[in-house]
């Protein structure tokens, strides 16, 4: 899904995305996800880090169907769990 960015903007976004994808936290999450999927071959979806269980890919997007609009200043996973 293209965002119709200029070549300069697309290159800058690619650099930003790669830097984020290679942070220590993202590397740990990818490694965990790979281990988890190998240990749970029956799960055909995604691991939900918030709920700690397997969900379909669509159900694991946008805060369980509540959207991301309220994710603003002060948003954490803990505040999401309380609602």
PDB file of N, CA and C in Angstrom:
ATOM      1  N   UNK A   1       0.858  -1.166   0.000  1.00  0.00           N
ATOM      2  CA  UNK A   1       0.000   0.000   0.000  1.00  0.00           C
ATOM      3  C   UNK A   1       0.904   1.229   0.000  1.00  0.00           C
ATOM      4  N   UNK A   2       0.941   1.921  -1.114  1.00  0.00           N
ATOM      5  CA  UNK A   2       1.815   3.067  -1.275  1.00  0.00           C
ATOM      6  C   UNK A   2       1.214   4.314  -0.646  1.00  0.00           C
ATOM      7  N   UNK A   3       2.085   5.153  -0.122  1.00  0.00           N
ATOM      8  CA  UNK A   3       1.638   6.418   0.462  1.00  0.00           C
ATOM      9  C   UNK A   3       1.856   7.581  -0.488  1.00  0.00           C
ATOM     10  N   UNK A   4       2.275   7.286  -1.710  1.00  0.00           N
ATOM     11  CA  UNK A   4       2.516   8.305  -2.736  1.00  0.00           C
ATOM     12  C   UNK A   4       3.469   9.392  -2.246  1.00  0.00           C
ATOM     13  N   UNK A   5       4.596   8.976  -1.693  1.00  0.00           N
ATOM     14  CA  UNK A   5       5.595   9.915  -1.216  1.00  0.00           C
ATOM     15  C   UNK A   5       6.568  10.257  -2.337  1.00  0.00           C
ATOM     16  N   UNK A   6       7.170  11.412  -2.215  1.00  0.00           N
ATOM     17  CA  UNK A   6       8.210  11.793  -3.171  1.00  0.00           C
ATOM     18  C   UNK A   6       9.405  10.869  -2.950  1.00  0.00           C
ATOM     19  N   UNK A   7      10.267  10.737  -3.938  1.00  0.00           N
ATOM     20  CA  UNK A   7      11.432   9.857  -3.748  1.00  0.00           C
ATOM     21  C   UNK A   7      12.276  10.231  -2.528  1.00  0.00           C
ATOM     22  N   UNK A   8      12.433  11.514  -2.279  1.00  0.00           N
ATOM     23  CA  UNK A   8      13.217  11.965  -1.131  1.00  0.00           C
ATOM     24  C   UNK A   8      12.524  11.579   0.185  1.00  0.00           C
ATOM     25  N   UNK A   9      11.215  11.789   0.248  1.00  0.00           N
ATOM     26  CA  UNK A   9      10.453  11.447   1.449  1.00  0.00           C
ATOM     27  C   UNK A   9      10.410   9.932   1.649  1.00  0.00           C
ATOM     28  N   UNK A  10      10.289   9.174   0.567  1.00  0.00           N
ATOM     29  CA  UNK A  10      10.250   7.716   0.659  1.00  0.00           C
ATOM     30  C   UNK A  10      11.583   7.176   1.185  1.00  0.00           C
ATOM     31  N   UNK A  11      12.687   7.770   0.743  1.00  0.00           N
ATOM     32  CA  UNK A  11      14.004   7.344   1.222  1.00  0.00           C
ATOM     33  C   UNK A  11      14.159   7.658   2.708  1.00  0.00           C
ATOM     34  N   UNK A  12      13.678   8.827   3.132  1.00  0.00           N
ATOM     35  CA  UNK A  12      13.763   9.205   4.536  1.00  0.00           C
ATOM     36  C   UNK A  12      12.910   8.272   5.390  1.00  0.00           C
ATOM     37  N   UNK A  13      11.708   7.915   4.888  1.00  0.00           N
ATOM     38  CA  UNK A  13      10.824   7.013   5.625  1.00  0.00           C
ATOM     39  C   UNK A  13      11.439   5.619   5.723  1.00  0.00           C
ATOM     40  N   UNK A  14      12.046   5.173   4.648  1.00  0.00           N
ATOM     41  CA  UNK A  14      12.696   3.864   4.660  1.00  0.00           C
ATOM     42  C   UNK A  14      13.804   3.821   5.706  1.00  0.00           C
ATOM     43  N   UNK A  15      14.567   4.902   5.793  1.00  0.00           N
ATOM     44  CA  UNK A  15      15.652   4.980   6.773  1.00  0.00           C
ATOM     45  C   UNK A  15      15.096   4.975   8.205  1.00  0.00           C
ATOM     46  N   UNK A  16      14.024   5.751   8.435  1.00  0.00           N
ATOM     47  CA  UNK A  16      13.393   5.795   9.762  1.00  0.00           C
ATOM     48  C   UNK A  16      12.824   4.440  10.152  1.00  0.00           C
ATOM     49  N   UNK A  17      12.101   3.803   9.213  1.00  0.00           N
ATOM     50  CA  UNK A  17      11.475   2.514   9.486  1.00  0.00           C
ATOM     51  C   UNK A  17      12.515   1.441   9.801  1.00  0.00           C
ATOM     52  N   UNK A  18      13.618   1.445   9.059  1.00  0.00           N
ATOM     53  CA  UNK A  18      14.665   0.463   9.289  1.00  0.00           C
ATOM     54  C   UNK A  18      15.326   0.684  10.646  1.00  0.00           C
ATOM     55  N   UNK A  19      15.540   1.949  11.010  1.00  0.00           N
ATOM     56  CA  UNK A  19      16.134   2.254  12.314  1.00  0.00           C
ATOM     57  C   UNK A  19      15.215   1.771  13.436  1.00  0.00           C
ATOM     58  N   UNK A  20      13.899   1.964  13.288  1.00  0.00           N
ATOM     59  CA  UNK A  20      12.950   1.510  14.311  1.00  0.00           C
ATOM     60  C   UNK A  20      12.897  -0.015  14.368  1.00  0.00           C
ATOM     61  N   UNK A  21      12.903  -0.654  13.203  1.00  0.00           N
ATOM     62  CA  UNK A  21      12.807  -2.111  13.153  1.00  0.00           C
ATOM     63  C   UNK A  21      14.018  -2.788  13.776  1.00  0.00           C
ATOM     64  N   UNK A  22      15.143  -2.094  13.811  1.00  0.00           N
ATOM     65  CA  UNK A  22      16.360  -2.685  14.353  1.00  0.00           C
ATOM     66  C   UNK A  22      16.688  -2.217  15.762  1.00  0.00           C
ATOM     67  N   UNK A  23      15.728  -1.622  16.466  1.00  0.00           N
ATOM     68  CA  UNK A  23      15.968  -1.264  17.858  1.00  0.00           C
ATOM     69  C   UNK A  23      16.025  -2.545  18.692  1.00  0.00           C
ATOM     70  N   UNK A  24      16.623  -2.443  19.845  1.00  0.00           N
ATOM     71  CA  UNK A  24      16.772  -3.607  20.725  1.00  0.00           C
ATOM     72  C   UNK A  24      15.409  -4.217  21.070  1.00  0.00           C
ATOM     73  N   UNK A  25      14.443  -3.363  21.362  1.00  0.00           N
ATOM     74  CA  UNK A  25      13.100  -3.845  21.731  1.00  0.00           C
ATOM     75  C   UNK A  25      12.456  -4.630  20.590  1.00  0.00           C
ATOM     76  N   UNK A  26      12.533  -4.112  19.365  1.00  0.00           N
ATOM     77  CA  UNK A  26      11.919  -4.790  18.224  1.00  0.00           C
ATOM     78  C   UNK A  26      12.627  -6.110  17.925  1.00  0.00           C
ATOM     79  N   UNK A  27      13.942  -6.146  18.090  1.00  0.00           N
ATOM     80  CA  UNK A  27      14.667  -7.396  17.870  1.00  0.00           C
ATOM     81  C   UNK A  27      14.231  -8.453  18.883  1.00  0.00           C
ATOM     82  N   UNK A  28      14.071  -8.029  20.152  1.00  0.00           N
ATOM     83  CA  UNK A  28      13.600  -8.959  21.183  1.00  0.00           C
ATOM     84  C   UNK A  28      12.195  -9.456  20.867  1.00  0.00           C
ATOM     85  N   UNK A  29      11.319  -8.565  20.420  1.00  0.00           N
ATOM     86  CA  UNK A  29       9.940  -8.956  20.102  1.00  0.00           C
ATOM     87  C   UNK A  29       9.901  -9.924  18.923  1.00  0.00           C
ATOM     88  N   UNK A  30      10.727  -9.681  17.904  1.00  0.00           N
ATOM     89  CA  UNK A  30      10.763 -10.591  16.756  1.00  0.00           C
ATOM     90  C   UNK A  30      11.266 -11.969  17.176  1.00  0.00           C
ATOM     91  N   UNK A  31      12.308 -11.992  18.010  1.00  0.00           N
ATOM     92  CA  UNK A  31      12.856 -13.274  18.475  1.00  0.00           C
ATOM     93  C   UNK A  31      11.827 -14.028  19.308  1.00  0.00           C
ATOM     94  N   UNK A  32      11.132 -13.303  20.194  1.00  0.00           N
ATOM     95  CA  UNK A  32      10.094 -13.938  21.010  1.00  0.00           C
ATOM     96  C   UNK A  32       8.992 -14.498  20.118  1.00  0.00           C
ATOM     97  N   UNK A  33       8.549 -13.718  19.154  1.00  0.00           N
ATOM     98  CA  UNK A  33       7.467 -14.132  18.266  1.00  0.00           C
ATOM     99  C   UNK A  33       7.851 -15.385  17.486  1.00  0.00           C
ATOM    100  N   UNK A  34       9.091 -15.432  17.035  1.00  0.00           N
ATOM    101  CA  UNK A  34       9.548 -16.599  16.296  1.00  0.00           C
ATOM    102  C   UNK A  34       9.568 -17.842  17.198  1.00  0.00           C
ATOM    103  N   UNK A  35      10.081 -17.698  18.409  1.00  0.00           N
ATOM    104  CA  UNK A  35      10.082 -18.826  19.358  1.00  0.00           C
ATOM    105  C   UNK A  35       8.665 -19.265  19.688  1.00  0.00           C
ATOM    106  N   UNK A  36       7.783 -18.299  19.913  1.00  0.00           N
ATOM    107  CA  UNK A  36       6.408 -18.610  20.301  1.00  0.00           C
ATOM    108  C   UNK A  36       5.682 -19.348  19.185  1.00  0.00           C
ATOM    109  N   UNK A  37       5.838 -18.902  17.941  1.00  0.00           N
ATOM    110  CA  UNK A  37       5.153 -19.562  16.823  1.00  0.00           C
ATOM    111  C   UNK A  37       5.695 -20.967  16.584  1.00  0.00           C
ATOM    112  N   UNK A  38       6.977 -21.156  16.807  1.00  0.00           N
ATOM    113  CA  UNK A  38       7.533 -22.501  16.657  1.00  0.00           C
ATOM    114  C   UNK A  38       7.014 -23.444  17.748  1.00  0.00           C
ATOM    115  N   UNK A  39       6.762 -22.911  18.932  1.00  0.00           N
ATOM    116  CA  UNK A  39       6.256 -23.723  20.043  1.00  0.00           C
ATOM    117  C   UNK A  39       4.742 -23.924  19.961  1.00  0.00           C
ATOM    118  N   UNK A  40       4.033 -23.072  19.207  1.00  0.00           N
ATOM    119  CA  UNK A  40       2.569 -23.143  19.085  1.00  0.00           C
ATOM    120  C   UNK A  40       2.167 -23.185  17.620  1.00  0.00           C
ATOM    121  N   UNK A  41       2.431 -24.298  16.939  1.00  0.00           N
ATOM    122  CA  UNK A  41       2.156 -24.351  15.499  1.00  0.00           C
ATOM    123  C   UNK A  41       0.671 -24.299  15.153  1.00  0.00           C
ATOM    124  N   UNK A  42      -0.216 -24.532  16.103  1.00  0.00           N
ATOM    125  CA  UNK A  42      -1.649 -24.511  15.828  1.00  0.00           C
ATOM    126  C   UNK A  42      -2.213 -23.108  15.700  1.00  0.00           C
ATOM    127  N   UNK A  43      -1.459 -22.112  16.125  1.00  0.00           N
ATOM    128  CA  UNK A  43      -1.932 -20.732  16.049  1.00  0.00           C
ATOM    129  C   UNK A  43      -1.690 -20.199  14.644  1.00  0.00           C
ATOM    130  N   UNK A  44      -2.764 -19.888  13.942  1.00  0.00           N
ATOM    131  CA  UNK A  44      -2.638 -19.361  12.585  1.00  0.00           C
ATOM    132  C   UNK A  44      -2.730 -17.847  12.553  1.00  0.00           C
ATOM    133  N   UNK A  45      -2.630 -17.205  13.712  1.00  0.00           N
ATOM    134  CA  UNK A  45      -2.741 -15.756  13.761  1.00  0.00           C
ATOM    135  C   UNK A  45      -1.507 -15.122  14.356  1.00  0.00           C
ATOM    136  N   UNK A  46      -1.728 -14.066  15.116  1.00  0.00           N
ATOM    137  CA  UNK A  46      -0.655 -13.325  15.765  1.00  0.00           C
ATOM    138  C   UNK A  46      -0.702 -13.536  17.263  1.00  0.00           C
ATOM    139  N   UNK A  47       0.446 -13.375  17.900  1.00  0.00           N
ATOM    140  CA  UNK A  47       0.505 -13.379  19.356  1.00  0.00           C
ATOM    141  C   UNK A  47       0.178 -11.974  19.825  1.00  0.00           C
ATOM    142  N   UNK A  48      -0.817 -11.841  20.693  1.00  0.00           N
ATOM    143  CA  UNK A  48      -1.195 -10.536  21.229  1.00  0.00           C
ATOM    144  C   UNK A  48      -0.404 -10.308  22.505  1.00  0.00           C
ATOM    145  N   UNK A  49       0.544  -9.369  22.468  1.00  0.00           N
ATOM    146  CA  UNK A  49       1.412  -9.125  23.618  1.00  0.00           C
ATOM    147  C   UNK A  49       0.629  -8.547  24.797  1.00  0.00           C
ATOM    148  N   UNK A  50      -0.486  -7.909  24.526  1.00  0.00           N
ATOM    149  CA  UNK A  50      -1.293  -7.333  25.599  1.00  0.00           C
ATOM    150  C   UNK A  50      -2.094  -8.410  26.326  1.00  0.00           C
ATOM    151  N   UNK A  51      -2.744  -9.297  25.575  1.00  0.00           N
ATOM    152  CA  UNK A  51      -3.576 -10.340  26.176  1.00  0.00           C
ATOM    153  C   UNK A  51      -2.797 -11.621  26.464  1.00  0.00           C
ATOM    154  N   UNK A  52      -1.648 -11.790  25.822  1.00  0.00           N
ATOM    155  CA  UNK A  52      -0.843 -12.987  26.032  1.00  0.00           C
ATOM    156  C   UNK A  52      -1.435 -14.229  25.415  1.00  0.00           C
ATOM    157  N   UNK A  53      -2.135 -14.084  24.297  1.00  0.00           N
ATOM    158  CA  UNK A  53      -2.721 -15.255  23.647  1.00  0.00           C
ATOM    159  C   UNK A  53      -2.754 -15.063  22.138  1.00  0.00           C
ATOM    160  N   UNK A  54      -3.125 -16.107  21.443  1.00  0.00           N
ATOM    161  CA  UNK A  54      -3.193 -16.090  19.988  1.00  0.00           C
ATOM    162  C   UNK A  54      -4.494 -15.433  19.529  1.00  0.00           C
ATOM    163  N   UNK A  55      -4.383 -14.561  18.531  1.00  0.00           N
ATOM    164  CA  UNK A  55      -5.561 -13.903  17.951  1.00  0.00           C
ATOM    165  C   UNK A  55      -5.427 -13.902  16.440  1.00  0.00           C
ATOM    166  N   UNK A  56      -6.545 -13.701  15.766  1.00  0.00           N
ATOM    167  CA  UNK A  56      -6.460 -13.537  14.323  1.00  0.00           C
ATOM    168  C   UNK A  56      -5.745 -12.221  14.035  1.00  0.00           C
ATOM    169  N   UNK A  57      -5.176 -12.120  12.865  1.00  0.00           N
ATOM    170  CA  UNK A  57      -4.425 -10.919  12.497  1.00  0.00           C
ATOM    171  C   UNK A  57      -5.323  -9.685  12.566  1.00  0.00           C
ATOM    172  N   UNK A  58      -6.548  -9.796  12.082  1.00  0.00           N
ATOM    173  CA  UNK A  58      -7.446  -8.640  12.077  1.00  0.00           C
ATOM    174  C   UNK A  58      -7.873  -8.237  13.487  1.00  0.00           C
ATOM    175  N   UNK A  59      -8.024  -9.213  14.384  1.00  0.00           N
ATOM    176  CA  UNK A  59      -8.435  -8.897  15.753  1.00  0.00           C
ATOM    177  C   UNK A  59      -7.287  -8.310  16.569  1.00  0.00           C
ATOM    178  N   UNK A  60      -6.059  -8.469  16.076  1.00  0.00           N
ATOM    179  CA  UNK A  60      -4.891  -7.979  16.808  1.00  0.00           C
ATOM    180  C   UNK A  60      -4.471  -6.591  16.322  1.00  0.00           C
ATOM    181  N   UNK A  61      -5.329  -5.901  15.621  1.00  0.00           N
ATOM    182  CA  UNK A  61      -5.028  -4.566  15.120  1.00  0.00           C
ATOM    183  C   UNK A  61      -5.983  -3.561  15.760  1.00  0.00           C
ATOM    184  N   UNK A  62      -5.513  -2.376  15.998  1.00  0.00           N
ATOM    185  CA  UNK A  62      -6.386  -1.279  16.424  1.00  0.00           C
ATOM    186  C   UNK A  62      -7.065  -1.476  17.752  1.00  0.00           C
ATOM    187  N   UNK A  63      -6.359  -1.979  18.749  1.00  0.00           N
ATOM    188  CA  UNK A  63      -6.897  -2.102  20.111  1.00  0.00           C
ATOM    189  C   UNK A  63      -8.202  -2.873  20.171  1.00  0.00           C
ATOM    190  N   UNK A  64      -8.200  -4.056  19.624  1.00  0.00           N
ATOM    191  CA  UNK A  64      -9.354  -4.967  19.686  1.00  0.00           C
ATOM    192  C   UNK A  64     -10.625  -4.349  19.115  1.00  0.00           C
ATOM    193  N   UNK A  65     -10.499  -3.619  18.032  1.00  0.00           N
ATOM    194  CA  UNK A  65     -11.655  -3.028  17.372  1.00  0.00           C
ATOM    195  C   UNK A  65     -12.068  -1.675  17.912  1.00  0.00           C
ATOM    196  N   UNK A  66     -11.355  -1.162  18.923  1.00  0.00           N
ATOM    197  CA  UNK A  66     -11.704   0.141  19.486  1.00  0.00           C
ATOM    198  C   UNK A  66     -10.976   1.281  18.788  1.00  0.00           C
ATOM    199  N   UNK A  67     -10.089   0.964  17.863  1.00  0.00           N
ATOM    200  CA  UNK A  67      -9.376   1.995  17.123  1.00  0.00           C
ATOM    201  C   UNK A  67      -8.207   2.567  17.901  1.00  0.00           C
ATOM    202  N   UNK A  68      -7.499   3.472  17.250  1.00  0.00           N
ATOM    203  CA  UNK A  68      -6.307   4.048  17.861  1.00  0.00           C
ATOM    204  C   UNK A  68      -6.471   5.536  18.130  1.00  0.00           C
ATOM    205  N   UNK A  69      -7.678   6.040  17.996  1.00  0.00           N
ATOM    206  CA  UNK A  69      -7.911   7.472  18.142  1.00  0.00           C
ATOM    207  C   UNK A  69      -7.564   7.989  19.533  1.00  0.00           C
ATOM    208  N   UNK A  70      -7.834   7.199  20.563  1.00  0.00           N
ATOM    209  CA  UNK A  70      -7.599   7.675  21.915  1.00  0.00           C
ATOM    210  C   UNK A  70      -6.162   7.461  22.381  1.00  0.00           C
ATOM    211  N   UNK A  71      -5.326   6.918  21.509  1.00  0.00           N
ATOM    212  CA  UNK A  71      -3.918   6.768  21.842  1.00  0.00           C
ATOM    213  C   UNK A  71      -3.252   8.119  21.670  1.00  0.00           C
ATOM    214  N   UNK A  72      -3.163   8.847  22.718  1.00  0.00           N
ATOM    215  CA  UNK A  72      -2.531  10.151  22.661  1.00  0.00           C
ATOM    216  C   UNK A  72      -1.530  10.284  23.776  1.00  0.00           C
ATOM    217  N   UNK A  73      -1.461  11.467  24.322  1.00  0.00           N
ATOM    218  CA  UNK A  73      -0.526  11.746  25.404  1.00  0.00           C
ATOM    219  C   UNK A  73      -0.885  10.884  26.620  1.00  0.00           C
ATOM    220  N   UNK A  74       0.108  10.215  27.163  1.00  0.00           N
ATOM    221  CA  UNK A  74      -0.109   9.416  28.356  1.00  0.00           C
ATOM    222  C   UNK A  74      -0.640   8.018  28.099  1.00  0.00           C
ATOM    223  N   UNK A  75      -0.737   7.580  26.844  1.00  0.00           N
ATOM    224  CA  UNK A  75      -1.257   6.255  26.541  1.00  0.00           C
ATOM    225  C   UNK A  75      -0.207   5.197  26.846  1.00  0.00           C
ATOM    226  N   UNK A  76      -0.608   4.155  27.551  1.00  0.00           N
ATOM    227  CA  UNK A  76       0.243   2.994  27.787  1.00  0.00           C
ATOM    228  C   UNK A  76      -0.622   1.748  27.668  1.00  0.00           C
ATOM    229  N   UNK A  77       0.017   0.617  27.614  1.00  0.00           N
ATOM    230  CA  UNK A  77      -0.721  -0.645  27.564  1.00  0.00           C
ATOM    231  C   UNK A  77      -1.530  -0.815  28.851  1.00  0.00           C
ATOM    232  N   UNK A  78      -0.992  -0.355  29.979  1.00  0.00           N
ATOM    233  CA  UNK A  78      -1.694  -0.494  31.243  1.00  0.00           C
ATOM    234  C   UNK A  78      -3.007   0.303  31.219  1.00  0.00           C
ATOM    235  N   UNK A  79      -2.995   1.499  30.632  1.00  0.00           N
ATOM    236  CA  UNK A  79      -4.242   2.269  30.562  1.00  0.00           C
ATOM    237  C   UNK A  79      -5.236   1.573  29.650  1.00  0.00           C
ATOM    238  N   UNK A  80      -4.750   0.898  28.634  1.00  0.00           N
ATOM    239  CA  UNK A  80      -5.626   0.180  27.720  1.00  0.00           C
ATOM    240  C   UNK A  80      -6.261  -1.011  28.440  1.00  0.00           C
ATOM    241  N   UNK A  81      -5.501  -1.690  29.299  1.00  0.00           N
ATOM    242  CA  UNK A  81      -6.024  -2.850  30.016  1.00  0.00           C
ATOM    243  C   UNK A  81      -7.118  -2.464  31.002  1.00  0.00           C
ATOM    244  N   UNK A  82      -7.049  -1.248  31.541  1.00  0.00           N
ATOM    245  CA  UNK A  82      -8.026  -0.805  32.540  1.00  0.00           C
ATOM    246  C   UNK A  82      -9.387  -0.501  31.934  1.00  0.00           C
ATOM    247  N   UNK A  83      -9.443  -0.263  30.621  1.00  0.00           N
ATOM    248  CA  UNK A  83     -10.719   0.119  30.010  1.00  0.00           C
ATOM    249  C   UNK A  83     -11.475  -1.063  29.510  1.00  0.00           C
TER     250      UNK A  83
END
